[in-house]
Amino acid sequence: MAQNPIQFQKGLSLQEFMTHYGREALCVEALEQWRWPQRFVCPSCGHNGVPVRLRTRALLQCRHCHH
C-alpha cells in the first residue's frame, strides 16, 4: 500500500495544531495577523486605523471609508 503524502508531511502535530488553532477565536487572530502583520490597512482607501468588527458576518470594516 502506498503512503499517503498528506498524512506524512512535515509540520505541526495534532497537539501543536490544537494549541495554536483549536478555537475559532485563535484561528481568526492568526488569520488577521497573517493578513496584516503590522496592523489593519484598508484595501480600498489605505487607512490604517483600528477597524470596526461587524458582528453579523465577523468582518472588519474601515472606520474611514466603511469598505
N, C-alpha and C. Protein backbone atom coordinates (compact mmCIF):
# COMPACT_ATOMS: atom_id res chain seq x y z
N MET A 1 0.85 -1.19 0.00
CA MET A 1 0.00 0.00 0.00
C MET A 1 0.89 1.25 0.00
N ALA A 2 0.58 2.19 -0.84
CA ALA A 2 1.35 3.43 -0.96
C ALA A 2 1.08 4.34 0.23
N GLN A 3 2.12 5.11 0.61
CA GLN A 3 1.96 6.07 1.69
C GLN A 3 1.16 7.27 1.21
N ASN A 4 0.33 7.78 2.08
CA ASN A 4 -0.43 8.99 1.79
C ASN A 4 0.50 10.18 2.06
N PRO A 5 0.84 11.00 1.03
CA PRO A 5 1.78 12.11 1.25
C PRO A 5 1.22 13.18 2.19
N ILE A 6 -0.08 13.33 2.26
CA ILE A 6 -0.67 14.32 3.17
C ILE A 6 -0.48 13.89 4.62
N GLN A 7 -0.66 12.61 4.87
CA GLN A 7 -0.58 12.10 6.24
C GLN A 7 0.82 12.25 6.82
N PHE A 8 1.86 12.15 5.98
CA PHE A 8 3.22 12.14 6.48
C PHE A 8 4.00 13.41 6.15
N GLN A 9 3.31 14.51 5.88
CA GLN A 9 4.01 15.74 5.60
C GLN A 9 4.53 16.36 6.89
N LYS A 10 5.59 17.14 6.76
CA LYS A 10 6.18 17.79 7.93
C LYS A 10 5.33 18.97 8.34
N GLY A 11 5.33 19.29 9.61
CA GLY A 11 4.57 20.42 10.11
C GLY A 11 4.18 20.20 11.56
N LEU A 12 3.06 20.75 11.94
CA LEU A 12 2.59 20.66 13.32
C LEU A 12 1.97 19.31 13.61
N SER A 13 2.18 18.85 14.82
CA SER A 13 1.45 17.66 15.27
C SER A 13 0.03 18.10 15.60
N LEU A 14 -0.85 17.15 15.78
CA LEU A 14 -2.23 17.47 16.13
C LEU A 14 -2.28 18.25 17.44
N GLN A 15 -1.47 17.86 18.40
CA GLN A 15 -1.44 18.55 19.70
C GLN A 15 -0.99 20.01 19.53
N GLU A 16 0.04 20.25 18.73
CA GLU A 16 0.51 21.61 18.49
C GLU A 16 -0.53 22.43 17.75
N PHE A 17 -1.16 21.81 16.74
CA PHE A 17 -2.20 22.50 15.99
C PHE A 17 -3.34 22.93 16.91
N MET A 18 -3.80 22.04 17.76
CA MET A 18 -4.91 22.35 18.67
C MET A 18 -4.51 23.44 19.67
N THR A 19 -3.26 23.46 20.06
CA THR A 19 -2.79 24.51 20.98
C THR A 19 -2.84 25.88 20.32
N HIS A 20 -2.41 25.94 19.04
CA HIS A 20 -2.35 27.22 18.33
C HIS A 20 -3.68 27.64 17.71
N TYR A 21 -4.47 26.67 17.22
CA TYR A 21 -5.66 26.99 16.43
C TYR A 21 -6.90 26.21 16.85
N GLY A 22 -6.94 25.72 18.06
CA GLY A 22 -8.01 24.83 18.49
C GLY A 22 -9.36 25.49 18.72
N ARG A 23 -9.41 26.80 18.79
CA ARG A 23 -10.68 27.51 18.96
C ARG A 23 -10.83 28.51 17.82
N GLU A 24 -12.05 28.87 17.51
CA GLU A 24 -12.31 29.79 16.40
C GLU A 24 -11.63 31.14 16.62
N ALA A 25 -11.66 31.64 17.85
CA ALA A 25 -11.04 32.93 18.14
C ALA A 25 -9.53 32.90 17.86
N LEU A 26 -8.87 31.79 18.16
CA LEU A 26 -7.45 31.66 17.89
C LEU A 26 -7.18 31.64 16.38
N CYS A 27 -8.06 30.98 15.63
CA CYS A 27 -7.92 30.94 14.16
C CYS A 27 -8.09 32.33 13.57
N VAL A 28 -9.10 33.05 14.01
CA VAL A 28 -9.36 34.41 13.49
C VAL A 28 -8.16 35.31 13.79
N GLU A 29 -7.65 35.22 15.01
CA GLU A 29 -6.50 36.04 15.39
C GLU A 29 -5.28 35.72 14.51
N ALA A 30 -5.03 34.44 14.25
CA ALA A 30 -3.90 34.04 13.42
C ALA A 30 -4.08 34.52 11.99
N LEU A 31 -5.27 34.38 11.43
CA LEU A 31 -5.53 34.83 10.05
C LEU A 31 -5.34 36.34 9.91
N GLU A 32 -5.84 37.09 10.89
CA GLU A 32 -5.68 38.55 10.84
C GLU A 32 -4.22 38.94 10.96
N GLN A 33 -3.46 38.23 11.78
CA GLN A 33 -2.04 38.52 11.94
C GLN A 33 -1.28 38.23 10.64
N TRP A 34 -1.65 37.15 9.94
CA TRP A 34 -1.00 36.83 8.66
C TRP A 34 -1.39 37.83 7.59
N ARG A 35 -2.65 38.27 7.59
CA ARG A 35 -3.13 39.20 6.56
C ARG A 35 -2.53 40.59 6.76
N TRP A 36 -2.48 41.05 7.98
CA TRP A 36 -1.96 42.38 8.31
C TRP A 36 -0.89 42.24 9.39
N PRO A 37 0.35 41.92 9.04
CA PRO A 37 1.39 41.69 10.04
C PRO A 37 1.70 42.93 10.90
N GLN A 38 1.60 44.11 10.34
CA GLN A 38 1.85 45.33 11.13
C GLN A 38 0.57 45.72 11.87
N ARG A 39 -0.47 46.01 11.13
CA ARG A 39 -1.82 46.26 11.63
C ARG A 39 -2.75 46.43 10.44
N PHE A 40 -4.04 46.54 10.71
CA PHE A 40 -5.05 46.62 9.65
C PHE A 40 -4.79 47.79 8.72
N VAL A 41 -4.87 47.52 7.41
CA VAL A 41 -4.79 48.55 6.37
C VAL A 41 -5.95 48.29 5.41
N CYS A 42 -6.79 49.29 5.22
CA CYS A 42 -7.95 49.15 4.34
C CYS A 42 -7.48 48.96 2.90
N PRO A 43 -7.97 47.92 2.21
CA PRO A 43 -7.58 47.71 0.82
C PRO A 43 -8.16 48.76 -0.14
N SER A 44 -9.20 49.48 0.30
CA SER A 44 -9.84 50.46 -0.55
C SER A 44 -9.19 51.84 -0.45
N CYS A 45 -9.05 52.35 0.77
CA CYS A 45 -8.55 53.72 0.93
C CYS A 45 -7.15 53.80 1.55
N GLY A 46 -6.63 52.68 2.07
CA GLY A 46 -5.30 52.68 2.66
C GLY A 46 -5.24 53.16 4.09
N HIS A 47 -6.37 53.50 4.68
CA HIS A 47 -6.40 53.95 6.08
C HIS A 47 -5.91 52.83 6.98
N ASN A 48 -5.11 53.16 7.99
CA ASN A 48 -4.54 52.13 8.85
C ASN A 48 -4.96 52.27 10.31
N GLY A 49 -6.14 52.77 10.54
CA GLY A 49 -6.65 52.87 11.90
C GLY A 49 -7.27 51.57 12.37
N VAL A 50 -7.78 51.57 13.57
CA VAL A 50 -8.44 50.39 14.12
C VAL A 50 -9.76 50.18 13.40
N PRO A 51 -10.01 48.98 12.86
CA PRO A 51 -11.25 48.74 12.12
C PRO A 51 -12.43 48.47 13.04
N VAL A 52 -13.61 48.52 12.48
CA VAL A 52 -14.84 48.15 13.18
C VAL A 52 -15.05 46.66 12.90
N ARG A 53 -15.33 45.88 13.92
CA ARG A 53 -15.62 44.46 13.74
C ARG A 53 -17.13 44.30 13.65
N LEU A 54 -17.62 43.85 12.49
CA LEU A 54 -19.05 43.64 12.28
C LEU A 54 -19.44 42.29 12.85
N ARG A 55 -20.42 42.27 13.72
CA ARG A 55 -20.82 41.03 14.38
C ARG A 55 -21.61 40.11 13.47
N THR A 56 -22.39 40.68 12.56
CA THR A 56 -23.28 39.85 11.76
C THR A 56 -22.54 38.88 10.87
N ARG A 57 -21.38 39.27 10.33
CA ARG A 57 -20.64 38.38 9.42
C ARG A 57 -19.19 38.20 9.84
N ALA A 58 -18.83 38.66 11.01
CA ALA A 58 -17.45 38.54 11.52
C ALA A 58 -16.44 39.14 10.55
N LEU A 59 -16.75 40.33 10.04
CA LEU A 59 -15.87 41.03 9.12
C LEU A 59 -15.29 42.27 9.77
N LEU A 60 -14.22 42.78 9.17
CA LEU A 60 -13.66 44.05 9.61
C LEU A 60 -14.07 45.12 8.62
N GLN A 61 -14.41 46.30 9.14
CA GLN A 61 -14.83 47.41 8.29
C GLN A 61 -13.98 48.63 8.62
N CYS A 62 -13.52 49.31 7.58
CA CYS A 62 -12.72 50.51 7.75
C CYS A 62 -13.56 51.60 8.41
N ARG A 63 -13.00 52.26 9.41
CA ARG A 63 -13.71 53.38 10.07
C ARG A 63 -13.75 54.61 9.18
N HIS A 64 -12.84 54.69 8.23
CA HIS A 64 -12.73 55.89 7.40
C HIS A 64 -13.68 55.86 6.21
N CYS A 65 -13.63 54.77 5.40
CA CYS A 65 -14.44 54.71 4.18
C CYS A 65 -15.58 53.70 4.26
N HIS A 66 -15.63 52.93 5.35
CA HIS A 66 -16.67 51.92 5.58
C HIS A 66 -16.64 50.78 4.57
N HIS A 67 -15.48 50.56 3.93
CA HIS A 67 -15.34 49.43 2.99
C HIS A 67 -15.22 48.14 3.79
